[in-house]
């Protein structure tokens, strides 16, 4: 829907449940935004919050991280919540780093854990 801010959601495997719980706790606020998410993450969030407007892209390892990166580069994403698991090796780590680099280059607010995501949501309520 035109005019709504766009939030991108991504979570590593060990953090998907935490992101779904975060979305459930903030469902009223998130319902005001357009949401894009990598495939599996988007599915988990939709299971927790079936009323949210979520466009699911490919899963991260199959190009979803890069799809969101491209959306950042063309100005279609306003902020990013990416629950990172720093204790698990990621086979597509290069894609993850590229996505984070694009968020930094294009000055997109980015939360990498729940504490920062809560602050970002509180700040971006409108």
PDB file of N, CA and C in Angstrom:
ATOM      1  N   UNK A   1       0.847  -1.170   0.000  1.00  0.00           N
ATOM      2  CA  UNK A   1       0.000   0.000   0.000  1.00  0.00           C
ATOM      3  C   UNK A   1       0.892   1.231   0.000  1.00  0.00           C
ATOM      4  N   UNK A   2       0.663   2.154  -0.912  1.00  0.00           N
ATOM      5  CA  UNK A   2       1.497   3.330  -1.066  1.00  0.00           C
ATOM      6  C   UNK A   2       1.450   4.191   0.190  1.00  0.00           C
ATOM      7  N   UNK A   3       2.588   4.823   0.498  1.00  0.00           N
ATOM      8  CA  UNK A   3       2.649   5.730   1.617  1.00  0.00           C
ATOM      9  C   UNK A   3       3.047   5.102   2.936  1.00  0.00           C
ATOM     10  N   UNK A   4       2.932   3.805   3.067  1.00  0.00           N
ATOM     11  CA  UNK A   4       3.329   3.151   4.313  1.00  0.00           C
ATOM     12  C   UNK A   4       4.823   2.891   4.303  1.00  0.00           C
ATOM     13  N   UNK A   5       5.424   2.990   5.460  1.00  0.00           N
ATOM     14  CA  UNK A   5       6.839   2.665   5.614  1.00  0.00           C
ATOM     15  C   UNK A   5       7.029   1.160   5.424  1.00  0.00           C
ATOM     16  N   UNK A   6       8.198   0.780   4.910  1.00  0.00           N
ATOM     17  CA  UNK A   6       8.490  -0.630   4.673  1.00  0.00           C
ATOM     18  C   UNK A   6       9.583  -1.108   5.618  1.00  0.00           C
ATOM     19  N   UNK A   7       9.276  -2.167   6.335  1.00  0.00           N
ATOM     20  CA  UNK A   7      10.184  -2.811   7.267  1.00  0.00           C
ATOM     21  C   UNK A   7      10.609  -4.153   6.681  1.00  0.00           C
ATOM     22  N   UNK A   8      11.910  -4.436   6.712  1.00  0.00           N
ATOM     23  CA  UNK A   8      12.409  -5.746   6.290  1.00  0.00           C
ATOM     24  C   UNK A   8      12.730  -6.568   7.538  1.00  0.00           C
ATOM     25  N   UNK A   9      12.281  -7.831   7.539  1.00  0.00           N
ATOM     26  CA  UNK A   9      12.520  -8.746   8.654  1.00  0.00           C
ATOM     27  C   UNK A   9      13.315  -9.956   8.193  1.00  0.00           C
ATOM     28  N   UNK A  10      14.364 -10.260   8.942  1.00  0.00           N
ATOM     29  CA  UNK A  10      15.200 -11.430   8.664  1.00  0.00           C
ATOM     30  C   UNK A  10      15.631 -11.990  10.007  1.00  0.00           C
ATOM     31  N   UNK A  11      15.767 -13.302  10.101  1.00  0.00           N
ATOM     32  CA  UNK A  11      16.309 -13.912  11.316  1.00  0.00           C
ATOM     33  C   UNK A  11      17.068 -15.177  10.949  1.00  0.00           C
ATOM     34  N   UNK A  12      18.204 -15.344  11.567  1.00  0.00           N
ATOM     35  CA  UNK A  12      18.912 -16.615  11.428  1.00  0.00           C
ATOM     36  C   UNK A  12      18.078 -17.719  12.074  1.00  0.00           C
ATOM     37  N   UNK A  13      18.337 -18.962  11.700  1.00  0.00           N
ATOM     38  CA  UNK A  13      17.524 -20.095  12.147  1.00  0.00           C
ATOM     39  C   UNK A  13      17.295 -20.123  13.656  1.00  0.00           C
ATOM     40  N   UNK A  14      18.331 -19.926  14.431  1.00  0.00           N
ATOM     41  CA  UNK A  14      18.207 -20.003  15.890  1.00  0.00           C
ATOM     42  C   UNK A  14      17.489 -18.798  16.495  1.00  0.00           C
ATOM     43  N   UNK A  15      17.181 -17.802  15.681  1.00  0.00           N
ATOM     44  CA  UNK A  15      16.539 -16.576  16.161  1.00  0.00           C
ATOM     45  C   UNK A  15      15.132 -16.375  15.600  1.00  0.00           C
ATOM     46  N   UNK A  16      14.661 -17.295  14.761  1.00  0.00           N
ATOM     47  CA  UNK A  16      13.348 -17.128  14.126  1.00  0.00           C
ATOM     48  C   UNK A  16      12.203 -17.099  15.147  1.00  0.00           C
ATOM     49  N   UNK A  17      12.249 -17.971  16.149  1.00  0.00           N
ATOM     50  CA  UNK A  17      11.201 -17.972  17.166  1.00  0.00           C
ATOM     51  C   UNK A  17      11.202 -16.663  17.949  1.00  0.00           C
ATOM     52  N   UNK A  18      12.393 -16.143  18.238  1.00  0.00           N
ATOM     53  CA  UNK A  18      12.497 -14.875  18.951  1.00  0.00           C
ATOM     54  C   UNK A  18      11.903 -13.733  18.116  1.00  0.00           C
ATOM     55  N   UNK A  19      12.165 -13.744  16.815  1.00  0.00           N
ATOM     56  CA  UNK A  19      11.608 -12.695  15.955  1.00  0.00           C
ATOM     57  C   UNK A  19      10.088 -12.817  15.864  1.00  0.00           C
ATOM     58  N   UNK A  20       9.572 -14.040  15.774  1.00  0.00           N
ATOM     59  CA  UNK A  20       8.119 -14.239  15.745  1.00  0.00           C
ATOM     60  C   UNK A  20       7.490 -13.742  17.044  1.00  0.00           C
ATOM     61  N   UNK A  21       8.126 -14.008  18.176  1.00  0.00           N
ATOM     62  CA  UNK A  21       7.616 -13.526  19.469  1.00  0.00           C
ATOM     63  C   UNK A  21       7.671 -12.002  19.536  1.00  0.00           C
ATOM     64  N   UNK A  22       8.742 -11.422  19.013  1.00  0.00           N
ATOM     65  CA  UNK A  22       8.861  -9.961  18.957  1.00  0.00           C
ATOM     66  C   UNK A  22       7.727  -9.371  18.113  1.00  0.00           C
ATOM     67  N   UNK A  23       7.471  -9.978  16.953  1.00  0.00           N
ATOM     68  CA  UNK A  23       6.400  -9.494  16.074  1.00  0.00           C
ATOM     69  C   UNK A  23       5.044  -9.600  16.768  1.00  0.00           C
ATOM     70  N   UNK A  24       4.795 -10.695  17.441  1.00  0.00           N
ATOM     71  CA  UNK A  24       3.527 -10.877  18.163  1.00  0.00           C
ATOM     72  C   UNK A  24       3.358  -9.803  19.230  1.00  0.00           C
ATOM     73  N   UNK A  25       4.417  -9.524  19.962  1.00  0.00           N
ATOM     74  CA  UNK A  25       4.355  -8.518  21.026  1.00  0.00           C
ATOM     75  C   UNK A  25       4.159  -7.105  20.475  1.00  0.00           C
ATOM     76  N   UNK A  26       4.549  -6.894  19.218  1.00  0.00           N
ATOM     77  CA  UNK A  26       4.464  -5.568  18.603  1.00  0.00           C
ATOM     78  C   UNK A  26       3.522  -5.538  17.401  1.00  0.00           C
ATOM     79  N   UNK A  27       2.606  -6.496  17.350  1.00  0.00           N
ATOM     80  CA  UNK A  27       1.737  -6.659  16.189  1.00  0.00           C
ATOM     81  C   UNK A  27       0.950  -5.396  15.847  1.00  0.00           C
ATOM     82  N   UNK A  28       0.434  -4.698  16.842  1.00  0.00           N
ATOM     83  CA  UNK A  28      -0.358  -3.489  16.582  1.00  0.00           C
ATOM     84  C   UNK A  28       0.469  -2.431  15.855  1.00  0.00           C
ATOM     85  N   UNK A  29       1.706  -2.254  16.261  1.00  0.00           N
ATOM     86  CA  UNK A  29       2.579  -1.273  15.615  1.00  0.00           C
ATOM     87  C   UNK A  29       2.972  -1.755  14.223  1.00  0.00           C
ATOM     88  N   UNK A  30       3.350  -3.030  14.110  1.00  0.00           N
ATOM     89  CA  UNK A  30       3.791  -3.573  12.817  1.00  0.00           C
ATOM     90  C   UNK A  30       2.669  -3.568  11.780  1.00  0.00           C
ATOM     91  N   UNK A  31       1.424  -3.632  12.225  1.00  0.00           N
ATOM     92  CA  UNK A  31       0.305  -3.661  11.285  1.00  0.00           C
ATOM     93  C   UNK A  31       0.174  -2.360  10.491  1.00  0.00           C
ATOM     94  N   UNK A  32       0.848  -1.315  10.919  1.00  0.00           N
ATOM     95  CA  UNK A  32       0.805  -0.024  10.224  1.00  0.00           C
ATOM     96  C   UNK A  32       1.794   0.033   9.069  1.00  0.00           C
ATOM     97  N   UNK A  33       2.685  -0.941   8.997  1.00  0.00           N
ATOM     98  CA  UNK A  33       3.755  -0.920   8.014  1.00  0.00           C
ATOM     99  C   UNK A  33       3.626  -2.039   6.996  1.00  0.00           C
ATOM    100  N   UNK A  34       4.203  -1.813   5.844  1.00  0.00           N
ATOM    101  CA  UNK A  34       4.384  -2.887   4.861  1.00  0.00           C
ATOM    102  C   UNK A  34       5.626  -3.645   5.323  1.00  0.00           C
ATOM    103  N   UNK A  35       5.571  -4.964   5.247  1.00  0.00           N
ATOM    104  CA  UNK A  35       6.698  -5.778   5.709  1.00  0.00           C
ATOM    105  C   UNK A  35       7.145  -6.707   4.587  1.00  0.00           C
ATOM    106  N   UNK A  36       8.454  -6.760   4.383  1.00  0.00           N
ATOM    107  CA  UNK A  36       9.047  -7.767   3.504  1.00  0.00           C
ATOM    108  C   UNK A  36       9.925  -8.638   4.394  1.00  0.00           C
ATOM    109  N   UNK A  37       9.998  -9.907   4.078  1.00  0.00           N
ATOM    110  CA  UNK A  37      10.791 -10.826   4.892  1.00  0.00           C
ATOM    111  C   UNK A  37      11.342 -11.939   4.023  1.00  0.00           C
ATOM    112  N   UNK A  38      12.459 -12.491   4.468  1.00  0.00           N
ATOM    113  CA  UNK A  38      12.955 -13.681   3.795  1.00  0.00           C
ATOM    114  C   UNK A  38      11.935 -14.793   4.029  1.00  0.00           C
ATOM    115  N   UNK A  39      11.944 -15.788   3.168  1.00  0.00           N
ATOM    116  CA  UNK A  39      10.879 -16.787   3.113  1.00  0.00           C
ATOM    117  C   UNK A  39      10.505 -17.486   4.403  1.00  0.00           C
ATOM    118  N   UNK A  40      11.443 -18.161   5.022  1.00  0.00           N
ATOM    119  CA  UNK A  40      11.133 -18.921   6.229  1.00  0.00           C
ATOM    120  C   UNK A  40      10.801 -17.989   7.386  1.00  0.00           C
ATOM    121  N   UNK A  41      11.556 -16.915   7.520  1.00  0.00           N
ATOM    122  CA  UNK A  41      11.281 -15.937   8.574  1.00  0.00           C
ATOM    123  C   UNK A  41       9.884 -15.360   8.402  1.00  0.00           C
ATOM    124  N   UNK A  42       9.538 -14.979   7.180  1.00  0.00           N
ATOM    125  CA  UNK A  42       8.206 -14.436   6.917  1.00  0.00           C
ATOM    126  C   UNK A  42       7.107 -15.426   7.259  1.00  0.00           C
ATOM    127  N   UNK A  43       7.340 -16.703   6.979  1.00  0.00           N
ATOM    128  CA  UNK A  43       6.362 -17.736   7.309  1.00  0.00           C
ATOM    129  C   UNK A  43       6.155 -17.858   8.807  1.00  0.00           C
ATOM    130  N   UNK A  44       7.248 -17.818   9.568  1.00  0.00           N
ATOM    131  CA  UNK A  44       7.140 -17.914  11.031  1.00  0.00           C
ATOM    132  C   UNK A  44       6.401 -16.709  11.610  1.00  0.00           C
ATOM    133  N   UNK A  45       6.693 -15.518  11.080  1.00  0.00           N
ATOM    134  CA  UNK A  45       6.025 -14.314  11.577  1.00  0.00           C
ATOM    135  C   UNK A  45       4.544 -14.348  11.206  1.00  0.00           C
ATOM    136  N   UNK A  46       4.233 -14.795  10.003  1.00  0.00           N
ATOM    137  CA  UNK A  46       2.824 -14.914   9.603  1.00  0.00           C
ATOM    138  C   UNK A  46       2.075 -15.932  10.456  1.00  0.00           C
ATOM    139  N   UNK A  47       2.726 -17.016  10.837  1.00  0.00           N
ATOM    140  CA  UNK A  47       2.086 -17.984  11.728  1.00  0.00           C
ATOM    141  C   UNK A  47       1.715 -17.332  13.057  1.00  0.00           C
ATOM    142  N   UNK A  48       2.605 -16.473  13.560  1.00  0.00           N
ATOM    143  CA  UNK A  48       2.368 -15.797  14.838  1.00  0.00           C
ATOM    144  C   UNK A  48       1.397 -14.629  14.706  1.00  0.00           C
ATOM    145  N   UNK A  49       1.415 -13.976  13.542  1.00  0.00           N
ATOM    146  CA  UNK A  49       0.624 -12.757  13.327  1.00  0.00           C
ATOM    147  C   UNK A  49      -0.034 -12.817  11.945  1.00  0.00           C
ATOM    148  N   UNK A  50      -1.076 -13.630  11.770  1.00  0.00           N
ATOM    149  CA  UNK A  50      -1.655 -13.824  10.440  1.00  0.00           C
ATOM    150  C   UNK A  50      -2.238 -12.563   9.804  1.00  0.00           C
ATOM    151  N   UNK A  51      -2.490 -11.541  10.595  1.00  0.00           N
ATOM    152  CA  UNK A  51      -3.078 -10.323  10.047  1.00  0.00           C
ATOM    153  C   UNK A  51      -2.083  -9.334   9.461  1.00  0.00           C
ATOM    154  N   UNK A  52      -0.789  -9.588   9.613  1.00  0.00           N
ATOM    155  CA  UNK A  52       0.203  -8.641   9.098  1.00  0.00           C
ATOM    156  C   UNK A  52       0.327  -8.737   7.579  1.00  0.00           C
ATOM    157  N   UNK A  53       0.662  -7.606   6.963  1.00  0.00           N
ATOM    158  CA  UNK A  53       0.894  -7.528   5.520  1.00  0.00           C
ATOM    159  C   UNK A  53       2.359  -7.845   5.267  1.00  0.00           C
ATOM    160  N   UNK A  54       2.650  -9.108   4.967  1.00  0.00           N
ATOM    161  CA  UNK A  54       4.042  -9.539   4.773  1.00  0.00           C
ATOM    162  C   UNK A  54       4.215 -10.104   3.373  1.00  0.00           C
ATOM    163  N   UNK A  55       5.180  -9.552   2.660  1.00  0.00           N
ATOM    164  CA  UNK A  55       5.579 -10.112   1.379  1.00  0.00           C
ATOM    165  C   UNK A  55       6.779 -11.002   1.628  1.00  0.00           C
ATOM    166  N   UNK A  56       6.598 -12.293   1.347  1.00  0.00           N
ATOM    167  CA  UNK A  56       7.689 -13.243   1.559  1.00  0.00           C
ATOM    168  C   UNK A  56       8.538 -13.348   0.296  1.00  0.00           C
ATOM    169  N   UNK A  57       9.837 -13.207   0.489  1.00  0.00           N
ATOM    170  CA  UNK A  57      10.796 -13.347  -0.600  1.00  0.00           C
ATOM    171  C   UNK A  57      11.416 -14.737  -0.509  1.00  0.00           C
ATOM    172  N   UNK A  58      12.490 -14.963  -1.214  1.00  0.00           N
ATOM    173  CA  UNK A  58      13.180 -16.251  -1.140  1.00  0.00           C
ATOM    174  C   UNK A  58      13.815 -16.406   0.242  1.00  0.00           C
ATOM    175  N   UNK A  59      14.134 -17.627   0.617  1.00  0.00           N
ATOM    176  CA  UNK A  59      14.848 -17.818   1.881  1.00  0.00           C
ATOM    177  C   UNK A  59      16.235 -17.183   1.744  1.00  0.00           C
ATOM    178  N   UNK A  60      16.845 -16.856   2.876  1.00  0.00           N
ATOM    179  CA  UNK A  60      18.142 -16.177   2.851  1.00  0.00           C
ATOM    180  C   UNK A  60      19.193 -16.854   1.993  1.00  0.00           C
ATOM    181  N   UNK A  61      19.468 -18.149   2.221  1.00  0.00           N
ATOM    182  CA  UNK A  61      20.510 -18.820   1.440  1.00  0.00           C
ATOM    183  C   UNK A  61      20.188 -18.935  -0.051  1.00  0.00           C
ATOM    184  N   UNK A  62      18.920 -18.799  -0.415  1.00  0.00           N
ATOM    185  CA  UNK A  62      18.527 -18.905  -1.830  1.00  0.00           C
ATOM    186  C   UNK A  62      18.374 -17.543  -2.497  1.00  0.00           C
ATOM    187  N   UNK A  63      18.818 -16.486  -1.822  1.00  0.00           N
ATOM    188  CA  UNK A  63      18.801 -15.160  -2.439  1.00  0.00           C
ATOM    189  C   UNK A  63      17.929 -14.126  -1.754  1.00  0.00           C
ATOM    190  N   UNK A  64      17.212 -14.507  -0.692  1.00  0.00           N
ATOM    191  CA  UNK A  64      16.337 -13.563  -0.013  1.00  0.00           C
ATOM    192  C   UNK A  64      17.080 -12.378   0.589  1.00  0.00           C
ATOM    193  N   UNK A  65      18.266 -12.632   1.164  1.00  0.00           N
ATOM    194  CA  UNK A  65      19.074 -11.537   1.715  1.00  0.00           C
ATOM    195  C   UNK A  65      19.434 -10.550   0.600  1.00  0.00           C
ATOM    196  N   UNK A  66      19.780 -11.092  -0.558  1.00  0.00           N
ATOM    197  CA  UNK A  66      20.146 -10.235  -1.686  1.00  0.00           C
ATOM    198  C   UNK A  66      18.939  -9.479  -2.230  1.00  0.00           C
ATOM    199  N   UNK A  67      17.758 -10.106  -2.224  1.00  0.00           N
ATOM    200  CA  UNK A  67      16.556  -9.402  -2.657  1.00  0.00           C
ATOM    201  C   UNK A  67      16.281  -8.204  -1.760  1.00  0.00           C
ATOM    202  N   UNK A  68      16.409  -8.403  -0.458  1.00  0.00           N
ATOM    203  CA  UNK A  68      16.199  -7.281   0.458  1.00  0.00           C
ATOM    204  C   UNK A  68      17.285  -6.226   0.266  1.00  0.00           C
ATOM    205  N   UNK A  69      18.515  -6.653   0.043  1.00  0.00           N
ATOM    206  CA  UNK A  69      19.591  -5.707  -0.249  1.00  0.00           C
ATOM    207  C   UNK A  69      19.283  -4.857  -1.476  1.00  0.00           C
ATOM    208  N   UNK A  70      18.753  -5.483  -2.513  1.00  0.00           N
ATOM    209  CA  UNK A  70      18.385  -4.742  -3.721  1.00  0.00           C
ATOM    210  C   UNK A  70      17.274  -3.735  -3.423  1.00  0.00           C
ATOM    211  N   UNK A  71      16.323  -4.128  -2.595  1.00  0.00           N
ATOM    212  CA  UNK A  71      15.239  -3.220  -2.224  1.00  0.00           C
ATOM    213  C   UNK A  71      15.767  -2.026  -1.430  1.00  0.00           C
ATOM    214  N   UNK A  72      16.773  -2.263  -0.585  1.00  0.00           N
ATOM    215  CA  UNK A  72      17.409  -1.169   0.149  1.00  0.00           C
ATOM    216  C   UNK A  72      18.077  -0.222  -0.840  1.00  0.00           C
ATOM    217  N   UNK A  73      18.803  -0.784  -1.813  1.00  0.00           N
ATOM    218  CA  UNK A  73      19.547   0.030  -2.773  1.00  0.00           C
ATOM    219  C   UNK A  73      18.656   0.918  -3.633  1.00  0.00           C
ATOM    220  N   UNK A  74      17.421   0.485  -3.880  1.00  0.00           N
ATOM    221  CA  UNK A  74      16.529   1.318  -4.705  1.00  0.00           C
ATOM    222  C   UNK A  74      15.566   2.147  -3.857  1.00  0.00           C
ATOM    223  N   UNK A  75      15.747   2.111  -2.547  1.00  0.00           N
ATOM    224  CA  UNK A  75      14.961   2.972  -1.668  1.00  0.00           C
ATOM    225  C   UNK A  75      13.610   2.428  -1.251  1.00  0.00           C
ATOM    226  N   UNK A  76      13.393   1.119  -1.396  1.00  0.00           N
ATOM    227  CA  UNK A  76      12.094   0.531  -1.056  1.00  0.00           C
ATOM    228  C   UNK A  76      11.986   0.044   0.386  1.00  0.00           C
ATOM    229  N   UNK A  77      13.083   0.034   1.131  1.00  0.00           N
ATOM    230  CA  UNK A  77      13.068  -0.406   2.528  1.00  0.00           C
ATOM    231  C   UNK A  77      13.464   0.776   3.395  1.00  0.00           C
ATOM    232  N   UNK A  78      12.657   1.050   4.417  1.00  0.00           N
ATOM    233  CA  UNK A  78      12.914   2.177   5.307  1.00  0.00           C
ATOM    234  C   UNK A  78      13.719   1.787   6.538  1.00  0.00           C
ATOM    235  N   UNK A  79      13.567   0.557   7.003  1.00  0.00           N
ATOM    236  CA  UNK A  79      14.368   0.065   8.111  1.00  0.00           C
ATOM    237  C   UNK A  79      14.390  -1.450   8.123  1.00  0.00           C
ATOM    238  N   UNK A  80      15.368  -1.984   8.842  1.00  0.00           N
ATOM    239  CA  UNK A  80      15.676  -3.408   8.806  1.00  0.00           C
ATOM    240  C   UNK A  80      15.794  -3.953  10.222  1.00  0.00           C
ATOM    241  N   UNK A  81      15.117  -5.070  10.480  1.00  0.00           N
ATOM    242  CA  UNK A  81      15.318  -5.818  11.718  1.00  0.00           C
ATOM    243  C   UNK A  81      15.849  -7.186  11.310  1.00  0.00           C
ATOM    244  N   UNK A  82      17.032  -7.488  11.760  1.00  0.00           N
ATOM    245  CA  UNK A  82      17.730  -8.723  11.390  1.00  0.00           C
ATOM    246  C   UNK A  82      18.264  -9.366  12.661  1.00  0.00           C
ATOM    247  N   UNK A  83      17.535 -10.353  13.185  1.00  0.00           N
ATOM    248  CA  UNK A  83      17.977 -11.045  14.392  1.00  0.00           C
ATOM    249  C   UNK A  83      19.093 -12.012  14.009  1.00  0.00           C
ATOM    250  N   UNK A  84      20.298 -11.642  14.386  1.00  0.00           N
ATOM    251  CA  UNK A  84      21.506 -12.372  14.017  1.00  0.00           C
ATOM    252  C   UNK A  84      21.881 -13.354  15.128  1.00  0.00           C
ATOM    253  N   UNK A  85      22.324 -14.532  14.727  1.00  0.00           N
ATOM    254  CA  UNK A  85      22.859 -15.506  15.667  1.00  0.00           C
ATOM    255  C   UNK A  85      24.381 -15.514  15.510  1.00  0.00           C
ATOM    256  N   UNK A  86      25.097 -14.826  16.375  1.00  0.00           N
ATOM    257  CA  UNK A  86      26.548 -14.719  16.209  1.00  0.00           C
ATOM    258  C   UNK A  86      27.303 -15.991  16.588  1.00  0.00           C
ATOM    259  N   UNK A  87      26.613 -16.979  17.135  1.00  0.00           N
ATOM    260  CA  UNK A  87      27.289 -18.191  17.602  1.00  0.00           C
ATOM    261  C   UNK A  87      27.193 -19.365  16.641  1.00  0.00           C
ATOM    262  N   UNK A  88      26.498 -19.153  15.509  1.00  0.00           N
ATOM    263  CA  UNK A  88      26.328 -20.224  14.532  1.00  0.00           C
ATOM    264  C   UNK A  88      26.932 -19.801  13.198  1.00  0.00           C
ATOM    265  N   UNK A  89      27.734 -20.676  12.607  1.00  0.00           N
ATOM    266  CA  UNK A  89      28.317 -20.391  11.294  1.00  0.00           C
ATOM    267  C   UNK A  89      27.217 -20.386  10.237  1.00  0.00           C
ATOM    268  N   UNK A  90      27.294 -19.451   9.316  1.00  0.00           N
ATOM    269  CA  UNK A  90      26.311 -19.329   8.244  1.00  0.00           C
ATOM    270  C   UNK A  90      26.983 -19.612   6.903  1.00  0.00           C
ATOM    271  N   UNK A  91      26.453 -20.553   6.144  1.00  0.00           N
ATOM    272  CA  UNK A  91      27.070 -20.849   4.850  1.00  0.00           C
ATOM    273  C   UNK A  91      26.945 -19.687   3.864  1.00  0.00           C
ATOM    274  N   UNK A  92      25.967 -18.819   4.073  1.00  0.00           N
ATOM    275  CA  UNK A  92      25.787 -17.680   3.167  1.00  0.00           C
ATOM    276  C   UNK A  92      26.203 -16.373   3.846  1.00  0.00           C
ATOM    277  N   UNK A  93      27.258 -16.476   4.674  1.00  0.00           N
ATOM    278  CA  UNK A  93      27.748 -15.338   5.452  1.00  0.00           C
ATOM    279  C   UNK A  93      28.100 -14.136   4.577  1.00  0.00           C
ATOM    280  N   UNK A  94      28.581 -14.376   3.381  1.00  0.00           N
ATOM    281  CA  UNK A  94      28.930 -13.270   2.478  1.00  0.00           C
ATOM    282  C   UNK A  94      27.687 -12.445   2.120  1.00  0.00           C
ATOM    283  N   UNK A  95      26.567 -13.124   1.893  1.00  0.00           N
ATOM    284  CA  UNK A  95      25.319 -12.427   1.581  1.00  0.00           C
ATOM    285  C   UNK A  95      24.845 -11.596   2.768  1.00  0.00           C
ATOM    286  N   UNK A  96      24.993 -12.151   3.959  1.00  0.00           N
ATOM    287  CA  UNK A  96      24.593 -11.452   5.176  1.00  0.00           C
ATOM    288  C   UNK A  96      25.425 -10.185   5.333  1.00  0.00           C
ATOM    289  N   UNK A  97      26.726 -10.296   5.140  1.00  0.00           N
ATOM    290  CA  UNK A  97      27.603  -9.126   5.249  1.00  0.00           C
ATOM    291  C   UNK A  97      27.281  -8.097   4.181  1.00  0.00           C
ATOM    292  N   UNK A  98      26.965  -8.537   2.977  1.00  0.00           N
ATOM    293  CA  UNK A  98      26.604  -7.606   1.904  1.00  0.00           C
ATOM    294  C   UNK A  98      25.322  -6.848   2.249  1.00  0.00           C
ATOM    295  N   UNK A  99      24.351  -7.557   2.812  1.00  0.00           N
ATOM    296  CA  UNK A  99      23.102  -6.914   3.214  1.00  0.00           C
ATOM    297  C   UNK A  99      23.358  -5.860   4.286  1.00  0.00           C
ATOM    298  N   UNK A 100      24.143  -6.204   5.285  1.00  0.00           N
ATOM    299  CA  UNK A 100      24.450  -5.246   6.342  1.00  0.00           C
ATOM    300  C   UNK A 100      25.213  -4.045   5.787  1.00  0.00           C
ATOM    301  N   UNK A 101      26.122  -4.292   4.872  1.00  0.00           N
ATOM    302  CA  UNK A 101      26.882  -3.205   4.255  1.00  0.00           C
ATOM    303  C   UNK A 101      25.944  -2.257   3.523  1.00  0.00           C
ATOM    304  N   UNK A 102      24.968  -2.792   2.776  1.00  0.00           N
ATOM    305  CA  UNK A 102      24.014  -1.942   2.061  1.00  0.00           C
ATOM    306  C   UNK A 102      23.174  -1.109   3.024  1.00  0.00           C
ATOM    307  N   UNK A 103      22.754  -1.700   4.126  1.00  0.00           N
ATOM    308  CA  UNK A 103      21.985  -0.943   5.118  1.00  0.00           C
ATOM    309  C   UNK A 103      22.821   0.210   5.663  1.00  0.00           C
ATOM    310  N   UNK A 104      24.102  -0.029   5.872  1.00  0.00           N
ATOM    311  CA  UNK A 104      24.985   1.034   6.372  1.00  0.00           C
ATOM    312  C   UNK A 104      25.208   2.091   5.288  1.00  0.00           C
ATOM    313  N   UNK A 105      25.518   1.667   4.075  1.00  0.00           N
ATOM    314  CA  UNK A 105      25.782   2.601   2.977  1.00  0.00           C
ATOM    315  C   UNK A 105      24.572   3.502   2.706  1.00  0.00           C
ATOM    316  N   UNK A 106      23.375   2.930   2.727  1.00  0.00           N
ATOM    317  CA  UNK A 106      22.167   3.694   2.424  1.00  0.00           C
ATOM    318  C   UNK A 106      21.508   4.276   3.674  1.00  0.00           C
ATOM    319  N   UNK A 107      22.221   4.201   4.811  1.00  0.00           N
ATOM    320  CA  UNK A 107      21.784   4.841   6.045  1.00  0.00           C
ATOM    321  C   UNK A 107      20.396   4.389   6.491  1.00  0.00           C
ATOM    322  N   UNK A 108      20.181   3.065   6.417  1.00  0.00           N
ATOM    323  CA  UNK A 108      18.913   2.467   6.828  1.00  0.00           C
ATOM    324  C   UNK A 108      19.037   2.069   8.300  1.00  0.00           C
ATOM    325  N   UNK A 109      18.134   2.527   9.167  1.00  0.00           N
ATOM    326  CA  UNK A 109      18.181   2.070  10.553  1.00  0.00           C
ATOM    327  C   UNK A 109      18.090   0.545  10.599  1.00  0.00           C
ATOM    328  N   UNK A 110      18.976  -0.064  11.410  1.00  0.00           N
ATOM    329  CA  UNK A 110      19.076  -1.520  11.420  1.00  0.00           C
ATOM    330  C   UNK A 110      19.211  -2.006  12.862  1.00  0.00           C
ATOM    331  N   UNK A 111      18.349  -2.940  13.232  1.00  0.00           N
ATOM    332  CA  UNK A 111      18.427  -3.571  14.553  1.00  0.00           C
ATOM    333  C   UNK A 111      18.884  -5.009  14.361  1.00  0.00           C
ATOM    334  N   UNK A 112      19.864  -5.431  15.131  1.00  0.00           N
ATOM    335  CA  UNK A 112      20.413  -6.773  14.991  1.00  0.00           C
ATOM    336  C   UNK A 112      20.057  -7.694  16.157  1.00  0.00           C
ATOM    337  N   UNK A 113      19.335  -7.166  17.144  1.00  0.00           N
ATOM    338  CA  UNK A 113      18.883  -7.986  18.267  1.00  0.00           C
ATOM    339  C   UNK A 113      17.575  -7.405  18.802  1.00  0.00           C
ATOM    340  N   UNK A 114      16.955  -8.142  19.707  1.00  0.00           N
ATOM    341  CA  UNK A 114      15.630  -7.743  20.194  1.00  0.00           C
ATOM    342  C   UNK A 114      15.652  -6.412  20.946  1.00  0.00           C
ATOM    343  N   UNK A 115      16.670  -6.184  21.760  1.00  0.00           N
ATOM    344  CA  UNK A 115      16.740  -4.945  22.530  1.00  0.00           C
ATOM    345  C   UNK A 115      16.750  -3.729  21.600  1.00  0.00           C
ATOM    346  N   UNK A 116      17.560  -3.785  20.552  1.00  0.00           N
ATOM    347  CA  UNK A 116      17.633  -2.677  19.610  1.00  0.00           C
ATOM    348  C   UNK A 116      16.355  -2.591  18.784  1.00  0.00           C
ATOM    349  N   UNK A 117      15.779  -3.725  18.433  1.00  0.00           N
ATOM    350  CA  UNK A 117      14.525  -3.733  17.673  1.00  0.00           C
ATOM    351  C   UNK A 117      13.403  -3.065  18.473  1.00  0.00           C
ATOM    352  N   UNK A 118      13.344  -3.335  19.773  1.00  0.00           N
ATOM    353  CA  UNK A 118      12.328  -2.702  20.623  1.00  0.00           C
ATOM    354  C   UNK A 118      12.497  -1.183  20.607  1.00  0.00           C
ATOM    355  N   UNK A 119      13.725  -0.717  20.683  1.00  0.00           N
ATOM    356  CA  UNK A 119      13.986   0.729  20.635  1.00  0.00           C
ATOM    357  C   UNK A 119      13.612   1.316  19.278  1.00  0.00           C
ATOM    358  N   UNK A 120      13.957   0.604  18.212  1.00  0.00           N
ATOM    359  CA  UNK A 120      13.629   1.073  16.865  1.00  0.00           C
ATOM    360  C   UNK A 120      12.116   1.171  16.681  1.00  0.00           C
ATOM    361  N   UNK A 121      11.393   0.167  17.132  1.00  0.00           N
ATOM    362  CA  UNK A 121       9.936   0.169  17.024  1.00  0.00           C
ATOM    363  C   UNK A 121       9.334   1.325  17.829  1.00  0.00           C
ATOM    364  N   UNK A 122       9.851   1.525  19.042  1.00  0.00           N
ATOM    365  CA  UNK A 122       9.343   2.614  19.891  1.00  0.00           C
ATOM    366  C   UNK A 122       9.579   3.968  19.226  1.00  0.00           C
ATOM    367  N   UNK A 123      10.723   4.117  18.593  1.00  0.00           N
ATOM    368  CA  UNK A 123      11.071   5.374  17.934  1.00  0.00           C
ATOM    369  C   UNK A 123      10.288   5.583  16.643  1.00  0.00           C
ATOM    370  N   UNK A 124       9.981   4.504  15.950  1.00  0.00           N
ATOM    371  CA  UNK A 124       9.343   4.562  14.620  1.00  0.00           C
ATOM    372  C   UNK A 124       7.841   4.271  14.660  1.00  0.00           C
ATOM    373  N   UNK A 125       7.169   4.496  15.732  1.00  0.00           N
ATOM    374  CA  UNK A 125       5.745   4.152  15.858  1.00  0.00           C
ATOM    375  C   UNK A 125       4.879   4.805  14.786  1.00  0.00           C
ATOM    376  N   UNK A 126       5.272   5.910  14.251  1.00  0.00           N
ATOM    377  CA  UNK A 126       4.428   6.600  13.240  1.00  0.00           C
ATOM    378  C   UNK A 126       4.942   6.392  11.848  1.00  0.00           C
TER     379      UNK A 126
END
